[in-house]
Each structure stands twice: as C-alpha cells, then as structure tokens.
Amino acid sequence: MRKIVPEILSKKILSLFVENKKKTYNIKQIRFFLDAVIDFKVLKNILYDFVKYRYIINTGNDKFKFNLNFNLLKGRIERRLLVDIDTGVEFKPRRREFRGIFDREIVYYYIDRKSNVRIFSYTPRNEIRYVGKVIEDHNFSYVKIPRKDFKIVINENQSYENELVVVIVNDWIYENPDGKIIKTLGDEKEHNTQIHAILEEFNLPYVFPK
C-alpha cells in the first residue's frame, strides 16, 4: 500500500468543510471525496479527532459539518512565508506546515495556544508542471523529476519509457503523488528534446517575438 502523507491528508479533509461550511457529510462521502485508499476506521478516528479539536461538529450518526465558531484567518503563501490577506502581517510557520503547498496559494490558518501558526486548509492554485523522465518499474510507471525527492506515479496504457515528458500532479496526498502526462517531448538522448525540456521547465516560449 502506498504511503499517505498525514499532514496533506488532514488539510484535504478540512478543505472539504471549509469550502462547504454549511453542508453536512457522512464518512462514506468524505472517503469518496478523498479518492484515496484509506481505511474506514482510520478515517473515522481522524474525524473524531477533528471534533475533539473543535474543527468540525458531529451532528449525529457519524455525520459532520464545519464548526462555524472556529476562528480561521485567510492568508497567501509567498516565498515560504504566510502573509495575512487582510493585514499584510507575515508569519513563518514550521516547515512541515508547507507540505504540498506552493507559492501564491491561498490558505486558511489559525494560531494555536502556543502561538504557533498552523495551516488549516488550502486552495490549490493552477496546475504546476514538471519535466522528467519516464521510468517503467515492473507493474507501474513513474516520472523521475530532477532535483526533487519524490516520484510522480502515472497510470498510462501507452509506454513512454526513457522519454522526457511534461507532467502535472493530480493529488499530493501520497508521498509519491499521482500525476498525468500532458505532453511528450521525445527521447531524452535527442538534442532537441533537451532544449524543449528546458523551455518547458522554465515556462519559456518556443518562439520569441521579434
């Protein structure tokens, strides 16, 4: 079974409630929203922990909704800092708070009893593109991204082995996230492929204006 990142799992669950503050969800609906293999009992324990922390309310029969009395603030991530949208005050949360979150993303946060800034949930911005080489390893394929400590797992019927591709991440919930190939650049040994890879990686145009 693939390893799930707990911090990202929690933020994804909470984002469902933040974005739908007046709606009530049962465990089956939340599990479907996650689109991940997570044990029913484990998810139930997580939800009741959230109830204990007063993030959400148990309305009965294992149904939950956002706790409107829980005070959330809104911020934006800029260069590994959290900037409050209303006041412009900058915070520097612990590094682990940033897992799966990137610059310019909008986040909801709160300050705990120890004055630590805690990111509650976030709204992913437009897709981020990565360029990497496709590796086929037994029963699954993944894209190896240079200078990154993760692989992007792909589920493609077509073989792209040893090709350079442009890929986006569908979900960061796993330690090695799921992704989708959106463009093939060709054989990694070809000179033109290397040039195209650089253009894609730095989001540069293929043709420059005169």
N, C-alpha and C. Protein backbone atom coordinates (compact mmCIF):
# COMPACT_ATOMS: atom_id res chain seq x y z
N MET A 1 0.84 -1.20 0.00
CA MET A 1 0.00 0.00 0.00
C MET A 1 0.88 1.25 0.00
N ARG A 2 0.51 2.24 -0.80
CA ARG A 2 1.30 3.46 -0.90
C ARG A 2 1.14 4.32 0.36
N LYS A 3 2.22 5.00 0.70
CA LYS A 3 2.24 5.78 1.94
C LYS A 3 1.54 7.12 1.75
N ILE A 4 0.60 7.41 2.65
CA ILE A 4 -0.13 8.67 2.62
C ILE A 4 0.57 9.67 3.53
N VAL A 5 0.64 10.93 3.10
CA VAL A 5 1.24 11.99 3.91
C VAL A 5 0.17 12.53 4.86
N PRO A 6 0.32 12.31 6.18
CA PRO A 6 -0.74 12.69 7.13
C PRO A 6 -1.12 14.17 7.10
N GLU A 7 -0.10 15.06 6.99
CA GLU A 7 -0.39 16.50 7.00
C GLU A 7 -1.26 16.91 5.82
N ILE A 8 -0.96 16.32 4.66
CA ILE A 8 -1.74 16.67 3.46
C ILE A 8 -3.12 16.05 3.52
N LEU A 9 -3.20 14.83 4.04
CA LEU A 9 -4.50 14.18 4.21
C LEU A 9 -5.41 15.04 5.09
N SER A 10 -4.89 15.50 6.22
CA SER A 10 -5.69 16.32 7.14
C SER A 10 -6.18 17.59 6.47
N LYS A 11 -5.27 18.27 5.76
CA LYS A 11 -5.64 19.54 5.11
C LYS A 11 -6.66 19.32 4.01
N LYS A 12 -6.55 18.19 3.32
CA LYS A 12 -7.51 17.91 2.25
C LYS A 12 -8.90 17.64 2.83
N ILE A 13 -8.96 16.88 3.91
CA ILE A 13 -10.26 16.63 4.55
C ILE A 13 -10.87 17.94 5.03
N LEU A 14 -10.07 18.76 5.69
CA LEU A 14 -10.59 20.01 6.24
C LEU A 14 -10.99 21.00 5.15
N SER A 15 -10.32 20.93 3.99
CA SER A 15 -10.68 21.83 2.90
C SER A 15 -12.11 21.58 2.42
N LEU A 16 -12.55 20.32 2.50
CA LEU A 16 -13.93 20.00 2.12
C LEU A 16 -14.92 20.76 2.99
N PHE A 17 -14.65 20.83 4.29
CA PHE A 17 -15.55 21.52 5.22
C PHE A 17 -15.44 23.04 5.09
N VAL A 18 -14.24 23.54 4.88
CA VAL A 18 -14.05 24.99 4.77
C VAL A 18 -14.75 25.54 3.53
N GLU A 19 -14.66 24.81 2.43
CA GLU A 19 -15.25 25.27 1.18
C GLU A 19 -16.76 25.02 1.12
N ASN A 20 -17.27 24.25 2.05
CA ASN A 20 -18.71 23.95 2.09
C ASN A 20 -19.19 24.03 3.54
N LYS A 21 -19.10 25.22 4.11
CA LYS A 21 -19.26 25.38 5.56
C LYS A 21 -20.64 25.02 6.09
N LYS A 22 -21.64 25.07 5.25
CA LYS A 22 -23.00 24.80 5.73
C LYS A 22 -23.47 23.38 5.43
N LYS A 23 -22.62 22.61 4.75
CA LYS A 23 -23.02 21.26 4.37
C LYS A 23 -22.59 20.23 5.40
N THR A 24 -23.32 19.14 5.44
CA THR A 24 -23.03 18.03 6.34
C THR A 24 -22.62 16.82 5.50
N TYR A 25 -21.58 16.11 5.97
CA TYR A 25 -21.06 14.96 5.22
C TYR A 25 -20.96 13.74 6.13
N ASN A 26 -21.26 12.58 5.57
CA ASN A 26 -21.02 11.35 6.31
C ASN A 26 -19.65 10.78 5.90
N ILE A 27 -19.22 9.75 6.60
CA ILE A 27 -17.87 9.22 6.37
C ILE A 27 -17.71 8.67 4.96
N LYS A 28 -18.75 8.05 4.44
CA LYS A 28 -18.68 7.49 3.09
C LYS A 28 -18.46 8.59 2.06
N GLN A 29 -19.14 9.71 2.22
CA GLN A 29 -18.98 10.84 1.29
C GLN A 29 -17.57 11.43 1.38
N ILE A 30 -17.05 11.53 2.59
CA ILE A 30 -15.71 12.09 2.78
C ILE A 30 -14.66 11.16 2.17
N ARG A 31 -14.85 9.88 2.35
CA ARG A 31 -13.93 8.89 1.77
C ARG A 31 -13.94 8.96 0.25
N PHE A 32 -15.11 9.16 -0.33
CA PHE A 32 -15.23 9.28 -1.78
C PHE A 32 -14.53 10.55 -2.26
N PHE A 33 -14.66 11.64 -1.51
CA PHE A 33 -14.02 12.91 -1.85
C PHE A 33 -12.50 12.76 -1.88
N LEU A 34 -11.95 11.99 -0.94
CA LEU A 34 -10.50 11.83 -0.86
C LEU A 34 -9.94 11.07 -2.05
N ASP A 35 -10.74 10.19 -2.63
CA ASP A 35 -10.29 9.40 -3.79
C ASP A 35 -8.96 8.70 -3.49
N ALA A 36 -8.83 8.20 -2.28
CA ALA A 36 -7.60 7.52 -1.86
C ALA A 36 -7.95 6.28 -1.06
N VAL A 37 -7.02 5.34 -1.04
CA VAL A 37 -7.24 4.11 -0.29
C VAL A 37 -6.94 4.38 1.18
N ILE A 38 -7.97 4.62 1.95
CA ILE A 38 -7.80 4.87 3.38
C ILE A 38 -8.83 4.05 4.14
N ASP A 39 -8.38 3.39 5.17
CA ASP A 39 -9.25 2.51 5.95
C ASP A 39 -10.39 3.31 6.59
N PHE A 40 -11.57 2.72 6.56
CA PHE A 40 -12.77 3.38 7.09
C PHE A 40 -12.59 3.76 8.56
N LYS A 41 -12.04 2.84 9.35
CA LYS A 41 -11.86 3.09 10.78
C LYS A 41 -10.83 4.19 11.03
N VAL A 42 -9.77 4.21 10.22
CA VAL A 42 -8.74 5.25 10.37
C VAL A 42 -9.35 6.62 10.09
N LEU A 43 -10.13 6.71 9.01
CA LEU A 43 -10.78 7.97 8.67
C LEU A 43 -11.74 8.41 9.77
N LYS A 44 -12.46 7.47 10.32
CA LYS A 44 -13.40 7.79 11.40
C LYS A 44 -12.66 8.35 12.61
N ASN A 45 -11.52 7.75 12.95
CA ASN A 45 -10.72 8.25 14.08
C ASN A 45 -10.21 9.66 13.82
N ILE A 46 -9.79 9.92 12.58
CA ILE A 46 -9.31 11.26 12.23
C ILE A 46 -10.43 12.29 12.40
N LEU A 47 -11.61 11.95 11.92
CA LEU A 47 -12.74 12.87 12.01
C LEU A 47 -13.12 13.16 13.46
N TYR A 48 -13.08 12.14 14.30
CA TYR A 48 -13.43 12.37 15.70
C TYR A 48 -12.32 13.13 16.44
N ASP A 49 -11.08 13.02 15.95
CA ASP A 49 -10.02 13.89 16.47
C ASP A 49 -10.31 15.35 16.11
N PHE A 50 -10.78 15.57 14.89
CA PHE A 50 -11.14 16.93 14.47
C PHE A 50 -12.28 17.49 15.31
N VAL A 51 -13.21 16.60 15.68
CA VAL A 51 -14.31 17.02 16.56
C VAL A 51 -13.75 17.43 17.93
N LYS A 52 -12.81 16.65 18.42
CA LYS A 52 -12.19 16.94 19.72
C LYS A 52 -11.48 18.29 19.71
N TYR A 53 -10.83 18.61 18.57
CA TYR A 53 -10.13 19.89 18.44
C TYR A 53 -11.09 21.04 18.09
N ARG A 54 -12.38 20.69 17.91
CA ARG A 54 -13.43 21.66 17.60
C ARG A 54 -13.30 22.27 16.21
N TYR A 55 -12.64 21.55 15.30
CA TYR A 55 -12.59 21.99 13.91
C TYR A 55 -13.94 21.77 13.24
N ILE A 56 -14.54 20.61 13.55
CA ILE A 56 -15.83 20.24 12.96
C ILE A 56 -16.77 19.79 14.07
N ILE A 57 -18.04 19.63 13.71
CA ILE A 57 -19.06 19.22 14.67
C ILE A 57 -19.66 17.89 14.23
N ASN A 58 -19.86 17.00 15.19
CA ASN A 58 -20.57 15.74 14.92
C ASN A 58 -22.06 16.01 15.11
N THR A 59 -22.81 15.93 14.01
CA THR A 59 -24.25 16.22 14.09
C THR A 59 -25.07 14.98 14.41
N GLY A 60 -24.39 13.85 14.62
CA GLY A 60 -25.07 12.60 14.94
C GLY A 60 -24.96 11.59 13.82
N ASN A 61 -24.94 10.31 14.19
CA ASN A 61 -24.88 9.21 13.22
C ASN A 61 -23.68 9.32 12.28
N ASP A 62 -22.54 9.71 12.85
CA ASP A 62 -21.30 9.83 12.09
C ASP A 62 -21.43 10.80 10.90
N LYS A 63 -22.13 11.90 11.14
CA LYS A 63 -22.22 12.97 10.14
C LYS A 63 -21.55 14.22 10.73
N PHE A 64 -20.88 14.96 9.85
CA PHE A 64 -20.04 16.05 10.33
C PHE A 64 -20.23 17.31 9.49
N LYS A 65 -20.02 18.46 10.14
CA LYS A 65 -20.04 19.74 9.43
C LYS A 65 -19.03 20.68 10.07
N PHE A 66 -18.69 21.73 9.37
CA PHE A 66 -17.70 22.69 9.85
C PHE A 66 -18.21 23.41 11.10
N ASN A 67 -17.32 23.66 12.05
CA ASN A 67 -17.67 24.41 13.25
C ASN A 67 -17.55 25.90 12.94
N LEU A 68 -18.66 26.57 12.76
CA LEU A 68 -18.66 27.98 12.37
C LEU A 68 -18.08 28.88 13.46
N ASN A 69 -17.95 28.36 14.67
CA ASN A 69 -17.37 29.15 15.76
C ASN A 69 -15.85 29.07 15.80
N PHE A 70 -15.28 28.22 14.94
CA PHE A 70 -13.82 28.10 14.91
C PHE A 70 -13.26 29.24 14.06
N ASN A 71 -12.40 30.04 14.66
CA ASN A 71 -11.91 31.26 14.02
C ASN A 71 -10.76 30.97 13.06
N LEU A 72 -11.02 31.14 11.78
CA LEU A 72 -9.99 30.94 10.76
C LEU A 72 -9.60 32.27 10.13
N LEU A 73 -8.32 32.41 9.82
CA LEU A 73 -7.81 33.58 9.12
C LEU A 73 -7.39 33.17 7.72
N LYS A 74 -7.33 34.14 6.83
CA LYS A 74 -7.02 33.83 5.43
C LYS A 74 -5.67 34.44 5.06
N GLY A 75 -4.85 33.63 4.39
CA GLY A 75 -3.53 34.12 4.02
C GLY A 75 -3.10 33.63 2.65
N ARG A 76 -1.91 34.05 2.26
CA ARG A 76 -1.34 33.65 0.97
C ARG A 76 0.12 33.28 1.19
N ILE A 77 0.59 32.25 0.52
CA ILE A 77 1.97 31.81 0.66
C ILE A 77 2.85 32.60 -0.31
N GLU A 78 3.90 33.20 0.23
CA GLU A 78 4.85 33.95 -0.59
C GLU A 78 6.26 33.66 -0.09
N ARG A 79 7.04 32.95 -0.90
CA ARG A 79 8.44 32.66 -0.59
C ARG A 79 8.60 32.03 0.79
N ARG A 80 7.82 31.01 1.04
CA ARG A 80 7.85 30.24 2.29
C ARG A 80 7.43 31.06 3.50
N LEU A 81 6.74 32.15 3.25
CA LEU A 81 6.13 32.93 4.33
C LEU A 81 4.62 32.90 4.14
N LEU A 82 3.89 33.04 5.24
CA LEU A 82 2.44 33.15 5.17
C LEU A 82 2.09 34.61 5.41
N VAL A 83 1.43 35.23 4.44
CA VAL A 83 1.08 36.65 4.53
C VAL A 83 -0.43 36.76 4.72
N ASP A 84 -0.84 37.38 5.83
CA ASP A 84 -2.27 37.56 6.08
C ASP A 84 -2.86 38.50 5.02
N ILE A 85 -3.95 38.08 4.40
CA ILE A 85 -4.53 38.85 3.30
C ILE A 85 -5.11 40.18 3.78
N ASP A 86 -5.69 40.21 4.97
CA ASP A 86 -6.32 41.44 5.46
C ASP A 86 -5.32 42.44 6.02
N THR A 87 -4.32 41.96 6.75
CA THR A 87 -3.41 42.87 7.46
C THR A 87 -2.03 43.00 6.82
N GLY A 88 -1.64 42.01 6.00
CA GLY A 88 -0.30 42.03 5.41
C GLY A 88 0.78 41.54 6.36
N VAL A 89 0.40 41.13 7.56
CA VAL A 89 1.37 40.62 8.53
C VAL A 89 1.96 39.30 8.03
N GLU A 90 3.28 39.16 8.17
CA GLU A 90 3.97 37.96 7.70
C GLU A 90 4.27 37.01 8.86
N PHE A 91 4.06 35.73 8.60
CA PHE A 91 4.37 34.69 9.57
C PHE A 91 5.29 33.66 8.91
N LYS A 92 6.04 32.97 9.73
CA LYS A 92 6.90 31.90 9.22
C LYS A 92 6.55 30.60 9.95
N PRO A 93 5.57 29.87 9.41
CA PRO A 93 5.18 28.60 10.05
C PRO A 93 6.31 27.58 9.97
N ARG A 94 6.18 26.53 10.76
CA ARG A 94 7.15 25.45 10.69
C ARG A 94 7.16 24.83 9.31
N ARG A 95 8.30 24.28 8.94
CA ARG A 95 8.47 23.76 7.58
C ARG A 95 7.44 22.69 7.22
N ARG A 96 7.09 21.85 8.18
CA ARG A 96 6.16 20.76 7.89
C ARG A 96 4.77 21.26 7.51
N GLU A 97 4.45 22.50 7.89
CA GLU A 97 3.15 23.06 7.54
C GLU A 97 3.00 23.29 6.04
N PHE A 98 4.12 23.36 5.33
CA PHE A 98 4.10 23.71 3.91
C PHE A 98 3.99 22.50 2.98
N ARG A 99 3.95 21.30 3.52
CA ARG A 99 3.95 20.12 2.66
C ARG A 99 2.79 20.15 1.68
N GLY A 100 3.12 20.06 0.38
CA GLY A 100 2.09 20.06 -0.65
C GLY A 100 1.53 21.43 -0.98
N ILE A 101 2.10 22.48 -0.38
CA ILE A 101 1.60 23.84 -0.61
C ILE A 101 2.70 24.66 -1.28
N PHE A 102 2.31 25.49 -2.25
CA PHE A 102 3.28 26.22 -3.05
C PHE A 102 3.01 27.72 -3.02
N ASP A 103 3.97 28.47 -3.56
CA ASP A 103 3.84 29.93 -3.60
C ASP A 103 2.54 30.35 -4.28
N ARG A 104 1.96 31.41 -3.74
CA ARG A 104 0.76 32.08 -4.26
C ARG A 104 -0.52 31.32 -3.98
N GLU A 105 -0.43 30.21 -3.26
CA GLU A 105 -1.66 29.51 -2.91
C GLU A 105 -2.34 30.19 -1.72
N ILE A 106 -3.66 30.16 -1.74
CA ILE A 106 -4.45 30.73 -0.66
C ILE A 106 -4.65 29.67 0.42
N VAL A 107 -4.43 30.06 1.68
CA VAL A 107 -4.57 29.12 2.79
C VAL A 107 -5.47 29.71 3.87
N TYR A 108 -6.04 28.82 4.66
CA TYR A 108 -6.74 29.22 5.88
C TYR A 108 -5.89 28.75 7.05
N TYR A 109 -5.72 29.61 8.04
CA TYR A 109 -4.83 29.26 9.14
C TYR A 109 -5.39 29.76 10.47
N TYR A 110 -4.76 29.29 11.54
CA TYR A 110 -5.10 29.78 12.87
C TYR A 110 -3.84 29.78 13.72
N ILE A 111 -3.91 30.43 14.85
CA ILE A 111 -2.77 30.49 15.78
C ILE A 111 -3.15 29.70 17.02
N ASP A 112 -2.36 28.66 17.33
CA ASP A 112 -2.72 27.79 18.44
C ASP A 112 -2.36 28.40 19.80
N ARG A 113 -2.60 27.66 20.85
CA ARG A 113 -2.39 28.17 22.21
C ARG A 113 -0.93 28.47 22.52
N LYS A 114 -0.03 27.86 21.75
CA LYS A 114 1.40 28.09 21.95
C LYS A 114 1.94 29.15 20.99
N SER A 115 1.01 29.87 20.35
CA SER A 115 1.35 30.95 19.40
C SER A 115 2.01 30.43 18.13
N ASN A 116 1.82 29.15 17.82
CA ASN A 116 2.31 28.60 16.56
C ASN A 116 1.28 28.83 15.46
N VAL A 117 1.76 29.19 14.29
CA VAL A 117 0.88 29.36 13.14
C VAL A 117 0.63 28.00 12.51
N ARG A 118 -0.63 27.61 12.40
CA ARG A 118 -0.99 26.31 11.86
C ARG A 118 -1.85 26.49 10.61
N ILE A 119 -1.40 25.91 9.51
CA ILE A 119 -2.19 25.97 8.28
C ILE A 119 -3.29 24.93 8.36
N PHE A 120 -4.52 25.39 8.27
CA PHE A 120 -5.70 24.55 8.46
C PHE A 120 -6.07 23.82 7.17
N SER A 121 -6.19 24.57 6.09
CA SER A 121 -6.51 24.00 4.78
C SER A 121 -6.03 24.98 3.72
N TYR A 122 -6.07 24.55 2.47
CA TYR A 122 -5.61 25.43 1.40
C TYR A 122 -6.37 25.16 0.12
N THR A 123 -6.33 26.14 -0.77
CA THR A 123 -6.97 26.02 -2.08
C THR A 123 -5.87 25.94 -3.13
N PRO A 124 -5.67 24.78 -3.75
CA PRO A 124 -4.60 24.66 -4.75
C PRO A 124 -4.80 25.64 -5.90
N ARG A 125 -3.70 26.25 -6.33
CA ARG A 125 -3.80 27.16 -7.48
C ARG A 125 -3.71 26.35 -8.76
N ASN A 126 -3.54 27.04 -9.88
CA ASN A 126 -3.47 26.35 -11.16
C ASN A 126 -2.37 25.30 -11.16
N GLU A 127 -2.56 24.28 -11.96
CA GLU A 127 -1.65 23.14 -12.00
C GLU A 127 -0.19 23.56 -12.19
N ILE A 128 0.69 22.86 -11.51
CA ILE A 128 2.13 23.09 -11.64
C ILE A 128 2.70 22.00 -12.53
N ARG A 129 3.47 22.41 -13.53
CA ARG A 129 4.05 21.46 -14.47
C ARG A 129 5.46 21.06 -14.05
N TYR A 130 5.77 19.78 -14.26
CA TYR A 130 7.11 19.27 -14.02
C TYR A 130 7.59 18.57 -15.29
N VAL A 131 8.90 18.59 -15.48
CA VAL A 131 9.51 17.89 -16.61
C VAL A 131 10.39 16.78 -16.05
N GLY A 132 10.23 15.59 -16.57
CA GLY A 132 11.04 14.48 -16.07
C GLY A 132 11.06 13.31 -17.03
N LYS A 133 11.79 12.29 -16.62
CA LYS A 133 11.98 11.09 -17.43
C LYS A 133 11.07 9.97 -16.94
N VAL A 134 10.43 9.28 -17.87
CA VAL A 134 9.54 8.18 -17.52
C VAL A 134 10.36 6.91 -17.26
N ILE A 135 10.10 6.30 -16.10
CA ILE A 135 10.75 5.05 -15.73
C ILE A 135 9.67 3.99 -15.57
N GLU A 136 9.85 2.84 -16.20
CA GLU A 136 8.92 1.73 -16.03
C GLU A 136 9.53 0.72 -15.07
N ASP A 137 8.84 0.50 -13.96
CA ASP A 137 9.36 -0.35 -12.89
C ASP A 137 8.35 -1.46 -12.59
N HIS A 138 8.55 -2.61 -13.20
CA HIS A 138 7.66 -3.76 -13.03
C HIS A 138 6.23 -3.40 -13.41
N ASN A 139 5.35 -3.31 -12.40
CA ASN A 139 3.92 -3.14 -12.70
C ASN A 139 3.45 -1.69 -12.72
N PHE A 140 4.35 -0.75 -12.55
CA PHE A 140 3.90 0.64 -12.59
C PHE A 140 4.97 1.54 -13.20
N SER A 141 4.53 2.70 -13.63
CA SER A 141 5.44 3.68 -14.24
C SER A 141 5.43 4.95 -13.42
N TYR A 142 6.55 5.64 -13.44
CA TYR A 142 6.62 6.92 -12.74
C TYR A 142 7.53 7.88 -13.49
N VAL A 143 7.38 9.15 -13.18
CA VAL A 143 8.23 10.18 -13.78
C VAL A 143 9.23 10.63 -12.73
N LYS A 144 10.50 10.51 -13.06
CA LYS A 144 11.57 10.94 -12.17
C LYS A 144 11.85 12.41 -12.43
N ILE A 145 11.67 13.24 -11.39
CA ILE A 145 11.83 14.68 -11.53
C ILE A 145 13.21 15.09 -11.00
N PRO A 146 14.04 15.73 -11.82
CA PRO A 146 15.37 16.15 -11.35
C PRO A 146 15.27 17.09 -10.15
N ARG A 147 16.16 16.89 -9.19
CA ARG A 147 16.30 17.75 -8.01
C ARG A 147 15.08 17.73 -7.10
N LYS A 148 14.24 16.72 -7.21
CA LYS A 148 13.09 16.57 -6.33
C LYS A 148 13.19 15.23 -5.60
N ASP A 149 12.63 15.19 -4.38
CA ASP A 149 12.73 13.97 -3.58
C ASP A 149 11.48 13.11 -3.69
N PHE A 150 10.73 13.25 -4.78
CA PHE A 150 9.56 12.42 -4.97
C PHE A 150 9.47 11.97 -6.43
N LYS A 151 8.71 10.90 -6.64
CA LYS A 151 8.40 10.43 -7.99
C LYS A 151 6.92 10.72 -8.25
N ILE A 152 6.57 10.97 -9.49
CA ILE A 152 5.17 11.17 -9.84
C ILE A 152 4.69 9.90 -10.54
N VAL A 153 3.78 9.21 -9.88
CA VAL A 153 3.27 7.93 -10.39
C VAL A 153 2.24 8.21 -11.48
N ILE A 154 2.37 7.51 -12.60
CA ILE A 154 1.44 7.71 -13.71
C ILE A 154 0.77 6.39 -14.06
N ASN A 155 -0.45 6.49 -14.52
CA ASN A 155 -1.21 5.31 -14.93
C ASN A 155 -1.58 5.47 -16.39
N GLU A 156 -0.66 5.05 -17.25
CA GLU A 156 -0.84 5.23 -18.69
C GLU A 156 -0.77 3.87 -19.39
N ASN A 157 -1.64 3.67 -20.35
CA ASN A 157 -1.61 2.44 -21.14
C ASN A 157 -0.45 2.44 -22.13
N GLN A 158 -0.12 3.61 -22.63
CA GLN A 158 0.96 3.73 -23.61
C GLN A 158 2.31 3.75 -22.90
N SER A 159 3.33 3.20 -23.55
CA SER A 159 4.67 3.18 -22.98
C SER A 159 5.43 4.45 -23.35
N TYR A 160 6.00 5.10 -22.33
CA TYR A 160 6.81 6.31 -22.54
C TYR A 160 8.22 6.11 -21.99
N GLU A 161 8.65 4.88 -21.86
CA GLU A 161 9.93 4.59 -21.20
C GLU A 161 11.08 5.37 -21.84
N ASN A 162 11.88 6.01 -20.97
CA ASN A 162 13.07 6.79 -21.36
C ASN A 162 12.74 8.05 -22.16
N GLU A 163 11.47 8.44 -22.18
CA GLU A 163 11.10 9.70 -22.81
C GLU A 163 11.03 10.80 -21.75
N LEU A 164 11.30 12.03 -22.19
CA LEU A 164 11.07 13.18 -21.32
C LEU A 164 9.64 13.66 -21.56
N VAL A 165 8.94 13.94 -20.48
CA VAL A 165 7.54 14.33 -20.58
C VAL A 165 7.25 15.52 -19.67
N VAL A 166 6.15 16.18 -19.95
CA VAL A 166 5.62 17.22 -19.05
C VAL A 166 4.46 16.58 -18.30
N VAL A 167 4.49 16.70 -16.98
CA VAL A 167 3.50 16.01 -16.15
C VAL A 167 2.96 16.97 -15.10
N ILE A 168 1.70 16.78 -14.73
CA ILE A 168 1.10 17.55 -13.64
C ILE A 168 0.69 16.58 -12.54
N VAL A 169 0.62 17.09 -11.31
CA VAL A 169 0.22 16.27 -10.17
C VAL A 169 -1.28 16.37 -9.97
N ASN A 170 -1.93 15.22 -9.89
CA ASN A 170 -3.38 15.20 -9.65
C ASN A 170 -3.70 15.35 -8.17
N ASP A 171 -2.86 14.75 -7.32
CA ASP A 171 -3.16 14.74 -5.89
C ASP A 171 -1.87 14.52 -5.11
N TRP A 172 -1.62 15.38 -4.10
CA TRP A 172 -0.40 15.28 -3.30
C TRP A 172 -0.58 14.41 -2.06
N ILE A 173 -1.69 13.73 -1.95
CA ILE A 173 -2.00 13.01 -0.72
C ILE A 173 -1.01 11.87 -0.45
N TYR A 174 -0.42 11.33 -1.52
CA TYR A 174 0.57 10.27 -1.36
C TYR A 174 1.98 10.84 -1.33
N GLU A 175 2.89 10.11 -0.69
CA GLU A 175 4.28 10.54 -0.62
C GLU A 175 4.88 10.65 -2.02
N ASN A 176 4.55 9.69 -2.89
CA ASN A 176 4.86 9.79 -4.32
C ASN A 176 3.53 10.01 -5.03
N PRO A 177 3.23 11.27 -5.37
CA PRO A 177 1.87 11.62 -5.81
C PRO A 177 1.48 11.05 -7.17
N ASP A 178 0.17 11.01 -7.39
CA ASP A 178 -0.36 10.61 -8.69
C ASP A 178 -0.28 11.78 -9.66
N GLY A 179 0.02 11.46 -10.92
CA GLY A 179 0.12 12.51 -11.92
C GLY A 179 -0.41 12.09 -13.27
N LYS A 180 -0.35 13.04 -14.19
CA LYS A 180 -0.87 12.80 -15.54
C LYS A 180 0.07 13.45 -16.55
N ILE A 181 0.43 12.70 -17.58
CA ILE A 181 1.27 13.24 -18.65
C ILE A 181 0.41 14.12 -19.56
N ILE A 182 0.85 15.36 -19.78
CA ILE A 182 0.09 16.25 -20.65
C ILE A 182 0.82 16.55 -21.96
N LYS A 183 2.12 16.19 -22.00
CA LYS A 183 2.87 16.43 -23.24
C LYS A 183 4.12 15.54 -23.25
N THR A 184 4.43 14.98 -24.40
CA THR A 184 5.68 14.23 -24.55
C THR A 184 6.66 15.08 -25.34
N LEU A 185 7.93 15.03 -24.91
CA LEU A 185 8.97 15.85 -25.54
C LEU A 185 9.90 15.03 -26.42
N GLY A 186 9.88 13.70 -26.25
CA GLY A 186 10.71 12.84 -27.09
C GLY A 186 11.78 12.11 -26.31
N ASP A 187 12.63 11.42 -27.04
CA ASP A 187 13.71 10.63 -26.44
C ASP A 187 14.68 11.55 -25.70
N GLU A 188 15.05 11.15 -24.48
CA GLU A 188 15.91 12.01 -23.65
C GLU A 188 17.29 12.25 -24.27
N LYS A 189 17.72 11.36 -25.18
CA LYS A 189 19.06 11.48 -25.76
C LYS A 189 19.10 12.47 -26.93
N GLU A 190 17.94 12.87 -27.42
CA GLU A 190 17.89 13.80 -28.55
C GLU A 190 18.18 15.23 -28.09
N HIS A 191 18.98 15.94 -28.88
CA HIS A 191 19.37 17.32 -28.53
C HIS A 191 18.15 18.23 -28.45
N ASN A 192 17.25 18.14 -29.43
CA ASN A 192 16.06 19.00 -29.43
C ASN A 192 15.17 18.73 -28.22
N THR A 193 15.12 17.47 -27.80
CA THR A 193 14.32 17.12 -26.62
C THR A 193 14.84 17.84 -25.39
N GLN A 194 16.16 17.90 -25.24
CA GLN A 194 16.76 18.58 -24.09
C GLN A 194 16.44 20.07 -24.11
N ILE A 195 16.47 20.66 -25.30
CA ILE A 195 16.14 22.09 -25.43
C ILE A 195 14.68 22.33 -25.05
N HIS A 196 13.79 21.49 -25.57
CA HIS A 196 12.36 21.63 -25.25
C HIS A 196 12.11 21.43 -23.76
N ALA A 197 12.87 20.53 -23.15
CA ALA A 197 12.71 20.28 -21.71
C ALA A 197 13.05 21.53 -20.90
N ILE A 198 14.10 22.23 -21.30
CA ILE A 198 14.50 23.47 -20.62
C ILE A 198 13.42 24.54 -20.79
N LEU A 199 12.89 24.65 -22.01
CA LEU A 199 11.84 25.64 -22.27
C LEU A 199 10.60 25.36 -21.42
N GLU A 200 10.24 24.09 -21.32
CA GLU A 200 9.06 23.72 -20.54
C GLU A 200 9.29 23.92 -19.04
N GLU A 201 10.48 23.55 -18.58
CA GLU A 201 10.77 23.64 -17.14
C GLU A 201 10.70 25.08 -16.65
N PHE A 202 11.17 26.01 -17.47
CA PHE A 202 11.20 27.41 -17.06
C PHE A 202 10.07 28.23 -17.69
N ASN A 203 9.11 27.51 -18.30
CA ASN A 203 7.93 28.15 -18.88
C ASN A 203 8.30 29.24 -19.89
N LEU A 204 9.24 28.91 -20.76
CA LEU A 204 9.69 29.84 -21.79
C LEU A 204 8.99 29.54 -23.11
N PRO A 205 8.77 30.56 -23.94
CA PRO A 205 8.11 30.33 -25.23
C PRO A 205 9.04 29.61 -26.21
N TYR A 206 8.46 28.83 -27.09
CA TYR A 206 9.25 28.14 -28.11
C TYR A 206 9.71 29.12 -29.19
N VAL A 207 8.91 30.16 -29.42
CA VAL A 207 9.26 31.18 -30.41
C VAL A 207 9.21 32.53 -29.73
N PHE A 208 10.31 33.27 -29.77
CA PHE A 208 10.37 34.58 -29.14
C PHE A 208 9.90 35.66 -30.12
N PRO A 209 9.18 36.66 -29.64
CA PRO A 209 8.73 37.74 -30.53
C PRO A 209 9.90 38.54 -31.06
N LYS A 210 9.77 39.04 -32.28
CA LYS A 210 10.84 39.84 -32.88
C LYS A 210 10.80 41.26 -32.35
